[in-house]
Amino acid sequence: MTMDNLTLILAQDGASDVPVAAGDVGGTATIESAPAAGGTALDSANGGETAAAQGLPTWVWLLPIAMLLIMFSTGGRKEKKKRAAMMASMGKGDKVQTVGGILGTVVEVRDDEIVVKVDENANTRLRFSRTAIQSILESKNAD
């Protein structure tokens, strides 16, 4: 293609065959309008195929991401419910383990803290926040 026959492809309707100065060459160029059917000039160059027909639609790529987000969020809810049930079932006489690894027997359950007996001989008792209890090892209330 030479500068005399330069063709500019614009995506605007109604601007066809307008003479334009081509700089130092002295020729003219024409401006072609985009196809009126909503496509682009590149679509008409590809034989009328749109970008959606050439590949997968955008929502198909977003579907696996959305599924992963749903799976991760439901997993957190299940763990939260399981932990809440464990805390609600904790009572006097249960053997527990704290997040620090301390093992003991629950002596008293208060609203926001638990009193745990850690040494039978010296009768050592420690107060812990409810959130410090990691697991119940043996439940005295088990049926």
Protein backbone atom coordinates (compact mmCIF):
# COMPACT_ATOMS: atom_id res chain seq x y z
CA MET A 1 0.00 0.00 0.00
CA THR A 2 1.39 3.41 -0.94
CA MET A 3 0.76 6.73 0.76
CA ASP A 4 -1.35 7.85 -2.24
CA ASN A 5 -3.88 5.09 -1.64
CA LEU A 6 -3.89 5.31 2.16
CA THR A 7 -7.19 4.15 3.58
CA LEU A 8 -8.11 5.06 7.11
CA ILE A 9 -10.61 2.83 8.81
CA LEU A 10 -12.65 4.57 11.46
CA ALA A 11 -15.50 3.27 13.53
CA GLN A 12 -17.77 6.21 12.72
CA ASP A 13 -20.79 6.14 10.47
CA GLY A 14 -21.41 8.61 7.68
CA ALA A 15 -17.83 9.71 7.02
CA SER A 16 -16.99 8.01 3.73
CA ASP A 17 -14.79 9.22 0.87
CA VAL A 18 -13.71 12.50 2.48
CA PRO A 19 -10.51 13.82 0.84
CA VAL A 20 -7.72 14.30 3.36
CA ALA A 21 -4.24 15.74 2.78
CA ALA A 22 -1.65 13.00 3.05
CA GLY A 23 1.23 15.12 4.34
CA ASP A 24 4.34 15.56 2.20
CA VAL A 25 3.29 12.99 -0.40
CA GLY A 26 0.55 15.21 -1.78
CA GLY A 27 -1.95 12.42 -2.37
CA THR A 28 -5.38 12.02 -0.87
CA ALA A 29 -6.74 9.39 1.44
CA THR A 30 -10.25 8.18 1.93
CA ILE A 31 -12.02 7.47 5.19
CA GLU A 32 -14.24 4.42 5.31
CA SER A 33 -17.08 4.07 7.76
CA ALA A 34 -17.63 1.05 10.00
CA PRO A 35 -20.27 -1.53 9.17
CA ALA A 36 -23.73 -0.43 10.24
CA ALA A 37 -24.68 -3.77 11.83
CA GLY A 38 -22.92 -2.98 15.12
CA GLY A 39 -19.68 -4.70 14.15
CA THR A 40 -16.28 -3.15 13.74
CA ALA A 41 -14.06 -2.78 10.74
CA LEU A 42 -12.01 -5.72 12.04
CA ASP A 43 -15.15 -7.86 12.09
CA SER A 44 -15.79 -7.18 8.43
CA ALA A 45 -12.17 -8.04 7.66
CA ASN A 46 -12.65 -11.41 9.40
CA GLY A 47 -15.58 -12.37 7.23
CA GLY A 48 -18.31 -10.94 9.46
CA GLU A 49 -17.46 -12.95 12.57
CA THR A 50 -17.75 -11.08 15.83
CA ALA A 51 -15.30 -11.39 18.71
CA ALA A 52 -17.86 -13.45 20.71
CA ALA A 53 -18.16 -15.98 17.90
CA GLN A 54 -14.38 -16.37 17.68
CA GLY A 55 -13.92 -17.26 21.37
CA LEU A 56 -15.87 -18.05 24.50
CA PRO A 57 -18.19 -15.41 25.95
CA THR A 58 -16.92 -13.46 28.95
CA TRP A 59 -19.39 -15.02 31.41
CA VAL A 60 -18.00 -18.49 30.67
CA TRP A 61 -14.60 -17.38 31.98
CA LEU A 62 -16.14 -15.81 35.08
CA LEU A 63 -18.21 -18.89 35.98
CA PRO A 64 -15.34 -20.96 37.51
CA ILE A 65 -14.17 -17.97 39.54
CA ALA A 66 -17.68 -17.44 40.92
CA MET A 67 -17.96 -21.14 41.81
CA LEU A 68 -14.65 -21.03 43.72
CA LEU A 69 -15.76 -17.97 45.69
CA ILE A 70 -19.01 -19.69 46.67
CA MET A 71 -17.18 -22.84 47.79
CA PHE A 72 -14.68 -20.90 49.90
CA SER A 73 -17.36 -18.84 51.61
CA THR A 74 -19.51 -21.85 52.51
CA GLY A 75 -16.52 -23.68 53.99
CA GLY A 76 -15.94 -20.81 56.43
CA ARG A 77 -19.56 -20.84 57.52
CA LYS A 78 -19.47 -24.54 58.29
CA GLU A 79 -16.37 -24.15 60.45
CA LYS A 80 -17.94 -21.21 62.28
CA LYS A 81 -21.11 -23.21 63.04
CA LYS A 82 -19.06 -26.20 64.20
CA ARG A 83 -16.98 -24.03 66.55
CA ALA A 84 -20.08 -22.28 67.92
CA ALA A 85 -21.69 -25.67 68.64
CA MET A 86 -18.51 -26.81 70.42
CA MET A 87 -18.44 -23.67 72.59
CA ALA A 88 -22.13 -24.03 73.43
CA SER A 89 -21.71 -27.66 74.47
CA MET A 90 -18.67 -27.00 76.69
CA GLY A 91 -19.44 -27.54 80.36
CA LYS A 92 -18.02 -28.32 83.75
CA GLY A 93 -15.82 -31.46 83.80
CA ASP A 94 -14.84 -31.39 80.10
CA LYS A 95 -11.17 -31.93 79.25
CA VAL A 96 -10.01 -29.14 76.90
CA GLN A 97 -6.91 -27.97 75.06
CA THR A 98 -6.10 -24.29 74.62
CA VAL A 99 -4.51 -22.70 71.57
CA GLY A 100 -1.29 -22.51 73.61
CA GLY A 101 -1.34 -26.27 74.15
CA ILE A 102 -2.35 -26.25 77.82
CA LEU A 103 -4.45 -29.27 78.78
CA GLY A 104 -6.92 -29.13 81.65
CA THR A 105 -10.37 -29.76 83.03
CA VAL A 106 -13.10 -27.12 82.93
CA VAL A 107 -14.04 -26.06 86.45
CA GLU A 108 -16.27 -23.09 85.71
CA VAL A 109 -17.91 -21.63 82.61
CA ARG A 110 -18.65 -17.90 82.62
CA ASP A 111 -20.06 -15.64 79.92
CA ASP A 112 -16.75 -14.68 78.32
CA GLU A 113 -14.16 -16.82 80.10
CA ILE A 114 -13.46 -20.38 81.18
CA VAL A 115 -11.69 -21.47 84.39
CA VAL A 116 -9.52 -24.51 83.74
CA LYS A 117 -7.86 -26.71 86.37
CA VAL A 118 -4.41 -27.62 84.99
CA ASP A 119 -2.78 -29.38 88.00
CA GLU A 120 -4.64 -31.84 90.18
CA ASN A 121 -2.05 -31.96 93.00
CA ALA A 122 -1.50 -28.22 93.47
CA ASN A 123 -5.10 -27.34 92.48
CA THR A 124 -3.79 -24.79 89.93
CA ARG A 125 -6.56 -23.01 88.04
CA LEU A 126 -6.15 -20.70 85.06
CA ARG A 127 -8.69 -18.35 83.51
CA PHE A 128 -8.93 -18.30 79.75
CA SER A 129 -10.98 -16.38 77.26
CA ARG A 130 -13.56 -18.55 75.47
CA THR A 131 -11.71 -17.95 72.19
CA ALA A 132 -8.53 -19.49 73.70
CA ILE A 133 -10.12 -22.95 73.82
CA GLN A 134 -9.06 -24.86 70.72
CA SER A 135 -10.83 -28.17 71.22
CA ILE A 136 -12.71 -30.37 73.63
CA LEU A 137 -10.77 -33.59 74.14
CA GLU A 138 -13.29 -35.43 76.35
CA SER A 139 -16.79 -34.29 77.11
CA LYS A 140 -18.27 -35.28 80.45
CA ASN A 141 -21.70 -34.57 78.98
CA ALA A 142 -21.21 -37.10 76.15
CA ASP A 143 -23.99 -39.67 75.93
